[in-house]
Protein backbone atom coordinates (compact mmCIF):
# COMPACT_ATOMS: atom_id res chain seq x y z
CA UNK A 1 -31.15 73.71 -40.83
CA UNK A 2 -28.24 75.34 -41.57
CA UNK A 3 -24.71 73.84 -41.90
CA UNK A 4 -21.42 75.39 -41.66
CA UNK A 5 -17.91 73.33 -41.62
CA UNK A 6 -14.38 74.26 -40.52
CA UNK A 7 -11.26 73.71 -42.58
CA UNK A 8 -7.44 74.50 -42.33
CA UNK A 9 -5.96 76.52 -44.89
CA UNK A 10 -2.11 76.04 -45.36
CA UNK A 11 -1.18 79.54 -45.89
CA UNK A 12 -3.08 80.82 -43.08
CA UNK A 13 -4.91 83.48 -45.08
CA UNK A 14 -8.30 84.22 -43.23
CA UNK A 15 -11.18 84.08 -45.49
CA UNK A 16 -15.26 84.66 -44.58
CA UNK A 17 -18.53 83.45 -46.48
CA UNK A 18 -21.31 85.01 -45.52
CA UNK A 19 -24.31 82.86 -44.20
CA UNK A 20 -26.96 81.94 -46.55
CA UNK A 21 -30.44 83.17 -46.39
CA UNK A 22 -31.79 79.84 -44.46
CA UNK A 23 -28.96 80.59 -41.77
CA UNK A 24 -29.89 83.92 -41.74
CA UNK A 25 -32.78 83.23 -39.05
CA UNK A 26 -30.06 81.26 -36.80
CA UNK A 27 -26.67 82.73 -37.24
CA UNK A 28 -23.85 80.47 -35.90
CA UNK A 29 -21.56 80.57 -32.94
CA UNK A 30 -18.56 80.55 -33.75
CA UNK A 31 -16.17 77.97 -31.99
CA UNK A 32 -12.60 79.18 -30.98
CA UNK A 33 -11.28 76.04 -29.78
CA UNK A 34 -8.77 75.52 -32.19
CA UNK A 35 -7.71 79.32 -32.79
CA UNK A 36 -4.23 78.82 -31.14
CA UNK A 37 -1.25 78.89 -33.79
CA UNK A 38 0.38 75.57 -34.80
CA UNK A 39 3.48 74.84 -32.08
CA UNK A 40 6.97 76.11 -33.45
CA UNK A 41 9.67 73.97 -34.52
CA UNK A 42 12.30 75.20 -31.05
CA UNK A 43 9.21 74.27 -29.11
CA UNK A 44 8.71 70.62 -30.63
CA UNK A 45 12.84 69.88 -30.52
CA UNK A 46 12.79 70.31 -26.91
CA UNK A 47 11.02 67.69 -26.07
CA UNK A 48 13.55 65.24 -27.34
CA UNK A 49 15.53 65.35 -23.76
CA UNK A 50 15.09 63.18 -21.24
CA UNK A 51 11.93 63.73 -18.35
CA UNK A 52 10.19 65.76 -21.03
CA UNK A 53 6.57 65.91 -20.07
CA UNK A 54 3.99 65.76 -23.08
CA UNK A 55 0.40 66.97 -22.10
CA UNK A 56 -2.47 66.19 -24.39
CA UNK A 57 -4.93 69.65 -24.44
CA UNK A 58 -1.85 71.82 -23.49
CA UNK A 59 1.01 70.80 -26.26
CA UNK A 60 1.08 68.97 -29.65
CA UNK A 61 3.93 67.74 -31.69
CA UNK A 62 4.03 66.17 -35.35
CA UNK A 63 7.84 65.41 -34.32
CA UNK A 64 8.86 61.48 -33.12
CA UNK A 65 10.31 61.48 -29.73
CA UNK A 66 13.65 59.53 -29.74
CA UNK A 67 14.52 57.61 -26.34
CA UNK A 68 17.57 56.01 -24.96
CA UNK A 69 18.25 53.64 -22.04
CA UNK A 70 18.90 56.56 -19.58
CA UNK A 71 15.91 59.01 -20.69
CA UNK A 72 12.64 58.62 -19.53
CA UNK A 73 9.70 60.81 -20.65
CA UNK A 74 6.05 61.46 -19.52
CA UNK A 75 2.49 62.02 -20.91
CA UNK A 76 -0.24 63.43 -18.75
CA UNK A 77 -3.74 64.38 -19.25
CA UNK A 78 -5.58 67.35 -16.88
CA UNK A 79 -8.81 67.21 -17.89
CA UNK A 80 -8.22 69.66 -20.74
CA UNK A 81 -10.10 69.29 -24.45
CA UNK A 82 -8.12 67.87 -26.93
CA UNK A 83 -8.48 68.61 -30.50
CA UNK A 84 -8.50 66.20 -33.16
CA UNK A 85 -5.27 67.18 -34.84
CA UNK A 86 -3.06 67.10 -31.76
CA UNK A 87 -4.31 63.37 -30.05
CA UNK A 88 -1.23 61.14 -30.53
CA UNK A 89 2.26 61.50 -29.43
CA UNK A 90 5.05 59.35 -31.11
CA UNK A 91 7.87 57.49 -29.38
CA UNK A 92 11.24 55.67 -30.77
CA UNK A 93 13.84 53.84 -28.81
CA UNK A 94 17.56 54.81 -30.69
CA UNK A 95 20.63 55.50 -29.33
CA UNK A 96 24.43 56.21 -31.12
CA UNK A 97 24.64 53.34 -33.14
CA UNK A 98 22.13 53.24 -35.32
CA UNK A 99 22.67 49.65 -35.60
CA UNK A 100 21.63 49.19 -32.27
CA UNK A 101 17.73 47.53 -31.76
CA UNK A 102 15.45 49.07 -29.08
CA UNK A 103 11.71 48.96 -27.74
CA UNK A 104 9.74 51.26 -26.32
CA UNK A 105 7.72 50.76 -22.81
CA UNK A 106 5.15 52.57 -21.33
CA UNK A 107 4.15 52.30 -17.42
CA UNK A 108 0.95 54.12 -16.27
CA UNK A 109 1.74 55.86 -13.27
CA UNK A 110 -2.12 56.34 -12.48
CA UNK A 111 -5.48 56.48 -14.44
CA UNK A 112 -8.13 57.93 -13.12
CA UNK A 113 -11.40 57.85 -15.59
CA UNK A 114 -14.23 57.52 -13.22
CA UNK A 115 -16.69 58.45 -15.93
CA UNK A 116 -15.20 56.14 -18.52
CA UNK A 117 -14.85 58.92 -21.02
CA UNK A 118 -11.06 58.96 -22.00
CA UNK A 119 -9.73 55.54 -24.24
CA UNK A 120 -5.88 55.58 -25.07
CA UNK A 121 -4.65 53.19 -28.29
CA UNK A 122 -1.04 52.30 -28.46
CA UNK A 123 -0.52 51.62 -32.40
CA UNK A 124 2.57 51.16 -34.67
CA UNK A 125 1.75 54.06 -37.13
CA UNK A 126 -1.05 56.51 -37.78
CA UNK A 127 -2.81 54.33 -39.73
CA UNK A 128 -1.20 50.87 -38.00
CA UNK A 129 -2.85 48.16 -35.95
CA UNK A 130 -3.56 48.95 -32.35
CA UNK A 131 -1.76 46.75 -30.03
CA UNK A 132 -3.25 47.73 -26.66
CA UNK A 133 -6.14 49.70 -25.26
CA UNK A 134 -6.26 51.55 -21.86
CA UNK A 135 -9.73 52.38 -20.51
CA UNK A 136 -11.05 52.97 -17.45
CA UNK A 137 -11.56 49.03 -16.64
CA UNK A 138 -8.49 47.61 -18.58
CA UNK A 139 -4.51 47.74 -18.57
CA UNK A 140 -4.67 50.48 -16.20
CA UNK A 141 -1.43 49.66 -14.64
CA UNK A 142 0.21 46.94 -16.87
CA UNK A 143 2.87 47.83 -18.40
CA UNK A 144 3.42 47.20 -21.92
CA UNK A 145 6.56 46.76 -24.19
CA UNK A 146 6.46 47.13 -28.05
CA UNK A 147 7.73 44.79 -30.41
CA UNK A 148 11.68 45.38 -31.26
CA UNK A 149 12.58 48.31 -33.83
CA UNK A 150 8.83 49.35 -33.56
CA UNK A 151 7.52 52.80 -32.65
CA UNK A 152 4.89 53.77 -30.55
CA UNK A 153 1.48 55.78 -30.82
CA UNK A 154 -0.45 57.03 -28.36
CA UNK A 155 -3.53 58.14 -29.26
CA UNK A 156 -6.35 59.78 -27.16
CA UNK A 157 -9.59 59.75 -27.75
CA UNK A 158 -12.91 60.37 -26.52
CA UNK A 159 -15.62 57.75 -25.51
CA UNK A 160 -19.34 58.41 -26.72
CA UNK A 161 -18.70 61.99 -27.21
CA UNK A 162 -18.62 62.10 -22.94
CA UNK A 163 -17.39 65.26 -20.76
CA UNK A 164 -13.20 64.31 -19.62
CA UNK A 165 -12.76 67.39 -17.21
CA UNK A 166 -13.10 64.58 -14.86
CA UNK A 167 -10.50 62.19 -16.54
CA UNK A 168 -6.52 62.20 -15.30
CA UNK A 169 -3.74 59.96 -16.10
CA UNK A 170 0.08 59.85 -16.29
CA UNK A 171 2.63 57.73 -18.15
CA UNK A 172 5.86 57.02 -18.19
CA UNK A 173 8.16 56.17 -21.31
CA UNK A 174 11.46 54.01 -21.31
CA UNK A 175 13.23 52.22 -23.72
CA UNK A 176 15.21 48.77 -23.65
CA UNK A 177 18.13 47.92 -25.81
CA UNK A 178 17.30 44.52 -27.18
CA UNK A 179 20.19 44.08 -29.47
CA UNK A 180 23.51 45.68 -29.27
CA UNK A 181 25.37 45.95 -32.35
CA UNK A 182 28.84 46.11 -30.44
CA UNK A 183 28.52 43.11 -28.51
CA UNK A 184 27.31 40.50 -31.25
CA UNK A 185 28.82 37.52 -28.98
CA UNK A 186 26.33 38.03 -26.01
CA UNK A 187 23.25 37.63 -28.45
CA UNK A 188 24.75 34.30 -29.96
CA UNK A 189 25.30 32.62 -26.32
CA UNK A 190 22.19 31.09 -26.77
CA UNK A 191 22.56 29.78 -30.66
CA UNK A 192 26.21 28.32 -29.32
CA UNK A 193 24.27 26.52 -26.52
CA UNK A 194 21.60 24.71 -29.15
CA UNK A 195 24.81 23.73 -31.54
CA UNK A 196 26.69 22.71 -28.90
CA UNK A 197 23.74 20.20 -27.55
CA UNK A 198 22.90 19.06 -30.99
CA UNK A 199 26.81 17.92 -31.70
CA UNK A 200 26.75 16.21 -28.48
CA UNK A 201 23.56 14.53 -28.84
CA UNK A 202 24.94 13.08 -32.30
CA UNK A 203 27.94 11.94 -30.62
CA UNK A 204 25.74 9.80 -28.07
CA UNK A 205 23.61 8.51 -30.17
CA UNK A 206 26.88 7.02 -32.65
CA UNK A 207 28.51 5.79 -29.74
CA UNK A 208 25.43 4.13 -28.46
CA UNK A 209 24.68 2.43 -31.80
CA UNK A 210 28.25 0.93 -32.14
CA UNK A 211 27.92 -0.52 -28.15
CA UNK A 212 24.83 -2.21 -29.85
CA UNK A 213 26.51 -3.55 -32.97
CA UNK A 214 29.03 -5.00 -30.85
CA UNK A 215 26.54 -6.61 -28.42
CA UNK A 216 24.78 -8.38 -31.47
CA UNK A 217 27.90 -9.79 -32.66
CA UNK A 218 30.04 -8.05 -35.70
CA UNK A 219 32.79 -9.40 -37.94
CA UNK A 220 35.71 -7.30 -38.58
CA UNK A 221 34.63 -5.76 -42.19
CA UNK A 222 37.96 -6.02 -44.43
CA UNK A 223 38.33 -5.13 -48.07
CA UNK A 224 35.67 -6.42 -50.27
CA UNK A 225 33.48 -7.42 -47.26
CA UNK A 226 29.84 -6.73 -45.75
CA UNK A 227 29.98 -5.22 -42.07
CA UNK A 228 26.18 -6.11 -40.77
CA UNK A 229 24.50 -5.36 -37.47
CA UNK A 230 21.97 -8.28 -36.52
CA UNK A 231 22.47 -10.17 -39.98
CA UNK A 232 19.73 -12.66 -39.06
CA UNK A 233 16.88 -10.92 -38.88
CA UNK A 234 16.30 -9.55 -42.52
CA UNK A 235 17.08 -5.91 -41.93
CA UNK A 236 19.25 -3.67 -44.28
CA UNK A 237 23.31 -3.51 -44.15
CA UNK A 238 25.34 -0.94 -44.72
CA UNK A 239 27.85 -2.06 -47.62
CA UNK A 240 30.95 -0.12 -48.65
CA UNK A 241 30.62 3.31 -50.44
CA UNK A 242 29.84 3.00 -54.51
CA UNK A 243 29.06 -0.35 -54.09
CA UNK A 244 26.34 -1.30 -56.93
CA UNK A 245 25.22 -4.72 -55.85
CA UNK A 246 25.98 -7.64 -54.02
CA UNK A 247 27.65 -10.97 -55.03
CA UNK A 248 29.10 -14.43 -53.42
CA UNK A 249 31.70 -16.92 -55.07
CA UNK A 250 31.26 -20.76 -54.10
CA UNK A 251 34.75 -21.89 -52.57
CA UNK A 252 34.58 -25.14 -54.37
CA UNK A 253 33.28 -24.17 -57.63
CA UNK A 254 34.52 -20.88 -58.07
CA UNK A 255 31.81 -19.23 -59.42
CA UNK A 256 30.88 -15.79 -58.91
CA UNK A 257 26.93 -14.98 -59.15
CA UNK A 258 25.35 -11.41 -58.30
CA UNK A 259 22.47 -12.09 -56.15
CA UNK A 260 21.13 -8.30 -54.78
CA UNK A 261 21.63 -4.91 -56.46
CA UNK A 262 22.25 -1.98 -53.67
CA UNK A 263 19.84 0.53 -52.99
CA UNK A 264 21.78 3.83 -51.99
CA UNK A 265 24.33 1.24 -50.73
CA UNK A 266 22.14 -0.74 -48.42
CA UNK A 267 21.63 -4.50 -49.16
CA UNK A 268 18.59 -6.76 -47.57
CA UNK A 269 19.96 -9.76 -45.99
CA UNK A 270 19.54 -12.80 -48.30
CA UNK A 271 18.00 -16.05 -47.66
CA UNK A 272 20.07 -18.14 -45.42
CA UNK A 273 21.87 -15.69 -43.80
CA UNK A 274 25.00 -13.66 -44.73
CA UNK A 275 27.72 -15.92 -43.63
CA UNK A 276 26.87 -19.80 -45.03
CA UNK A 277 29.05 -22.59 -45.73
CA UNK A 278 30.83 -22.75 -48.92
CA UNK A 279 29.94 -18.86 -49.78
CA UNK A 280 31.93 -15.85 -49.63
CA UNK A 281 30.03 -12.33 -50.17
CA UNK A 282 31.51 -9.22 -51.50
CA UNK A 283 30.14 -5.92 -53.12
CA UNK A 284 30.70 -4.95 -56.36
CA UNK A 285 31.18 -1.47 -57.84
CA UNK A 286 31.14 0.43 -60.84
CA UNK A 287 30.21 -0.95 -64.13
CA UNK A 288 30.72 -4.69 -62.96
CA UNK A 289 26.96 -4.73 -62.31
CA UNK A 290 23.70 -2.96 -63.02
CA UNK A 291 23.80 0.54 -60.86
CA UNK A 292 20.22 0.54 -60.13
CA UNK A 293 20.87 3.56 -57.67
CA UNK A 294 22.08 5.78 -60.96
CA UNK A 295 18.68 4.53 -62.45
CA UNK A 296 16.42 5.49 -59.58
CA UNK A 297 18.18 8.59 -59.35
CA UNK A 298 17.82 9.43 -63.34
CA UNK A 299 13.56 8.46 -62.66
CA UNK A 300 13.68 11.21 -59.89
CA UNK A 301 15.29 13.69 -61.93
CA UNK A 302 12.49 13.45 -65.06
CA UNK A 303 9.90 13.49 -62.61
CA UNK A 304 10.85 16.47 -60.26
CA UNK A 305 10.84 17.90 -64.23
CA UNK A 306 7.71 17.01 -64.69
CA UNK A 307 6.32 18.45 -61.60
CA UNK A 308 8.17 21.57 -62.33
CA UNK A 309 6.73 22.34 -65.64
CA UNK A 310 2.95 21.99 -64.31
CA UNK A 311 3.65 24.11 -61.67
CA UNK A 312 5.01 26.87 -64.05
CA UNK A 313 2.06 26.45 -66.06
CA UNK A 314 -0.23 26.71 -63.48
CA UNK A 315 -1.93 30.01 -62.76
CA UNK A 316 -1.85 31.39 -59.57
CA UNK A 317 -5.32 32.50 -58.12
CA UNK A 318 -5.58 35.81 -56.84
CA UNK A 319 -6.96 36.36 -53.45
CA UNK A 320 -10.13 39.42 -53.59
CA UNK A 321 -9.76 41.45 -50.83
CA UNK A 322 -12.64 43.48 -49.90
CA UNK A 323 -12.54 46.95 -50.03
CA UNK A 324 -12.92 49.19 -46.70
CA UNK A 325 -12.34 52.78 -48.72
CA UNK A 326 -14.34 54.61 -50.79
CA UNK A 327 -13.73 54.41 -54.70
CA UNK A 328 -12.37 57.79 -54.82
CA UNK A 329 -10.19 56.72 -51.72
CA UNK A 330 -9.44 53.35 -52.62
CA UNK A 331 -7.98 54.76 -56.33
CA UNK A 332 -5.92 58.21 -54.82
CA UNK A 333 -4.93 56.24 -51.60
CA UNK A 334 -1.30 56.33 -51.98
CA UNK A 335 -1.55 59.43 -54.25
CA UNK A 336 -0.20 63.07 -52.92
CA UNK A 337 -1.34 65.61 -51.98
CA UNK A 338 -3.57 65.13 -49.36
CA UNK A 339 -5.44 66.81 -46.48
CA UNK A 340 -6.61 65.76 -42.98
CA UNK A 341 -10.31 66.43 -42.74
CA UNK A 342 -12.93 66.78 -39.49
CA UNK A 343 -16.46 67.45 -39.20
CA UNK A 344 -18.45 69.93 -37.06
CA UNK A 345 -21.94 70.19 -37.00
CA UNK A 346 -23.85 73.38 -36.09
CA UNK A 347 -26.16 72.61 -33.34
CA UNK A 348 -29.66 74.96 -33.34
CA UNK A 349 -30.36 73.86 -29.15
CA UNK A 350 -26.80 75.17 -28.18
CA UNK A 351 -25.90 77.47 -30.79
CA UNK A 352 -22.37 76.26 -31.43
CA UNK A 353 -20.54 74.32 -33.14
CA UNK A 354 -19.94 70.75 -32.16
CA UNK A 355 -17.14 67.78 -33.36
CA UNK A 356 -18.70 64.73 -34.86
CA UNK A 357 -16.79 61.38 -33.82
CA UNK A 358 -17.31 58.19 -35.73
CA UNK A 359 -18.78 55.34 -33.23
CA UNK A 360 -14.88 53.97 -33.07
CA UNK A 361 -13.90 57.32 -31.28
CA UNK A 362 -12.56 58.50 -34.54
CA UNK A 363 -12.95 62.03 -35.94
CA UNK A 364 -10.32 62.70 -38.68
CA UNK A 365 -9.90 61.51 -42.29
CA UNK A 366 -7.24 61.94 -44.69
CA UNK A 367 -8.62 62.95 -47.92
CA UNK A 368 -6.56 62.54 -50.86
CA UNK A 369 -6.46 64.99 -53.89
CA UNK A 370 -5.62 64.71 -57.41
CA UNK A 371 -3.71 67.59 -57.18
CA UNK A 372 -2.85 70.95 -55.74
CA UNK A 373 -4.87 73.36 -58.64
CA UNK A 374 -8.46 72.49 -57.22
CA UNK A 375 -11.71 74.58 -56.49
CA UNK A 376 -13.12 74.53 -53.10
CA UNK A 377 -16.46 72.76 -54.62
CA UNK A 378 -14.17 70.08 -55.91
CA UNK A 379 -12.45 69.90 -52.16
CA UNK A 380 -16.22 69.98 -50.82
CA UNK A 381 -17.06 66.61 -52.96
CA UNK A 382 -13.97 64.78 -52.45
CA UNK A 383 -14.37 64.93 -48.71
CA UNK A 384 -17.97 64.20 -48.78
CA UNK A 385 -16.76 60.78 -50.61
CA UNK A 386 -14.53 60.08 -47.61
CA UNK A 387 -16.51 61.28 -44.96
CA UNK A 388 -19.85 59.99 -46.06
CA UNK A 389 -19.07 57.18 -48.79
CA UNK A 390 -23.15 56.03 -48.23
CA UNK A 391 -24.28 59.06 -48.26
CA UNK A 392 -25.44 59.16 -45.03
CA UNK A 393 -24.64 60.24 -41.76
CA UNK A 394 -26.08 60.80 -38.24
CA UNK A 395 -27.83 63.67 -38.60
CA UNK A 396 -29.96 62.47 -42.13
CA UNK A 397 -29.20 62.41 -45.43
CA UNK A 398 -26.24 64.34 -46.42
CA UNK A 399 -26.97 65.81 -49.81
CA UNK A 400 -29.95 67.55 -48.45
CA UNK A 401 -27.26 69.57 -46.12
CA UNK A 402 -25.20 72.22 -46.97
CA UNK A 403 -21.92 71.74 -46.90
CA UNK A 404 -18.85 74.31 -46.60
CA UNK A 405 -15.43 74.78 -45.63
CA UNK A 406 -13.67 76.41 -43.09
CA UNK A 407 -10.30 76.45 -41.23
CA UNK A 408 -9.86 75.84 -37.50
CA UNK A 409 -10.72 79.32 -36.26
CA UNK A 410 -14.51 78.99 -37.83
CA UNK A 411 -13.97 81.29 -40.64
CA UNK A 412 -16.01 79.76 -43.98
CA UNK A 413 -13.46 79.74 -47.03
CA UNK A 414 -14.09 81.02 -50.26
CA UNK A 415 -11.49 79.78 -51.82
CA UNK A 416 -8.81 76.38 -51.48
CA UNK A 417 -5.49 77.22 -51.92
CA UNK A 418 -2.73 75.25 -50.36
CA UNK A 419 0.34 76.42 -52.56
CA UNK A 420 1.57 79.09 -49.95
CA UNK A 421 4.91 80.41 -49.62
CA UNK A 422 7.68 79.13 -51.66
CA UNK A 423 10.20 78.67 -48.84
CA UNK A 424 7.84 75.70 -47.13
CA UNK A 425 7.60 72.26 -48.64
CA UNK A 426 4.44 70.78 -49.88
CA UNK A 427 4.23 68.10 -46.94
CA UNK A 428 4.36 71.33 -44.33
CA UNK A 429 1.58 73.14 -46.48
CA UNK A 430 -0.56 69.94 -46.96
CA UNK A 431 0.17 68.80 -42.84
CA UNK A 432 -1.31 72.61 -41.68
CA UNK A 433 -4.17 72.24 -43.86
CA UNK A 434 -6.99 70.84 -40.91
CA UNK A 435 -10.14 71.11 -42.39
CA UNK A 436 -13.59 70.83 -40.66
CA UNK A 437 -16.72 69.97 -41.99
CA UNK A 438 -20.17 70.66 -41.07
CA UNK A 439 -23.53 69.30 -42.08
CA UNK A 440 -26.88 71.00 -41.41
């Protein structure tokens, strides 16, 4: 069995590779499904106006569609084939003021898919987490709004390699303003109400406490005297600020005795109550008595320093995260350049190439390259590491198959060159370098 692969070359040069002797017995039939040229810049920019229609299988755009609150855009599908490099549209809310914040909303107008062959994924980016799925059985009519300041990627997926010509749907895309920079007071109304409620509650608690103290009996405080609530219950009593201890003077012997130290200005009711015959209580401040509050504060500071030193000496344990990527892809995941690689398989029963999807519906992976100066054999090697990290595919052992690179028109490439025209940026060259792989 013979295998061919299709690869997109960004420079657009047509290149042909003659079939091997094994392939001579079964000449490949090239599928020209991807032979249409990339869309022009002008056609992409036309989609930025209101009431624009994007159609899966009809037009392809790599740009982000910006919407204001009075804009409406539509995404349609009428059963046409959708290539793997034109399977998503991107939308973002925005207006005249860059400090305003928007969210994007999607409303399904209709979704007809009797064969359950189509799935739509709403994501925050190409590699982002899927926020919502629309299928023949779920979320067909529910309106969905993304998070504030977040884009929505609408991704088209073919389910289980079924025929999609009977599926049709239409989505309406709008934007709503979540924050208006020029009207800051509008967003502060709830906070003001909450703050006002807190102050009102504190005031009410203070008034109620004062009423309770008056009902239980309060002596009017005078200089050097203690004001207490419910003095016979043995509760804590509030003293004057700066008080360090409590003392009393015998009215007959005129001898002063310090009986209890304070704890943050509070004193425990002494045995026999605060007001006893021939005894007058008053507070002692400063160095007239031992300031236990300062001593406790020094002890607390020492303990805090000890705890901080222990934390500084402790080595944080690193979490071990299991990688879901191959060793080569993980090593160069944050490096450029990259190329997008798909897999097309030549089937003898139909005599044509067929795109192969993953179990979850995807068919494209990004392959990072060590440099732009690389030959075609190295590209095949790196692509195989990403597409087949275990060396197995649904058609058998990859090492027993013949792998090739080809462009989207089905022409086998002999060389790999993404240098291209000097007037193009490297990002544009690599973005158009769609590469398909096939195994036999």
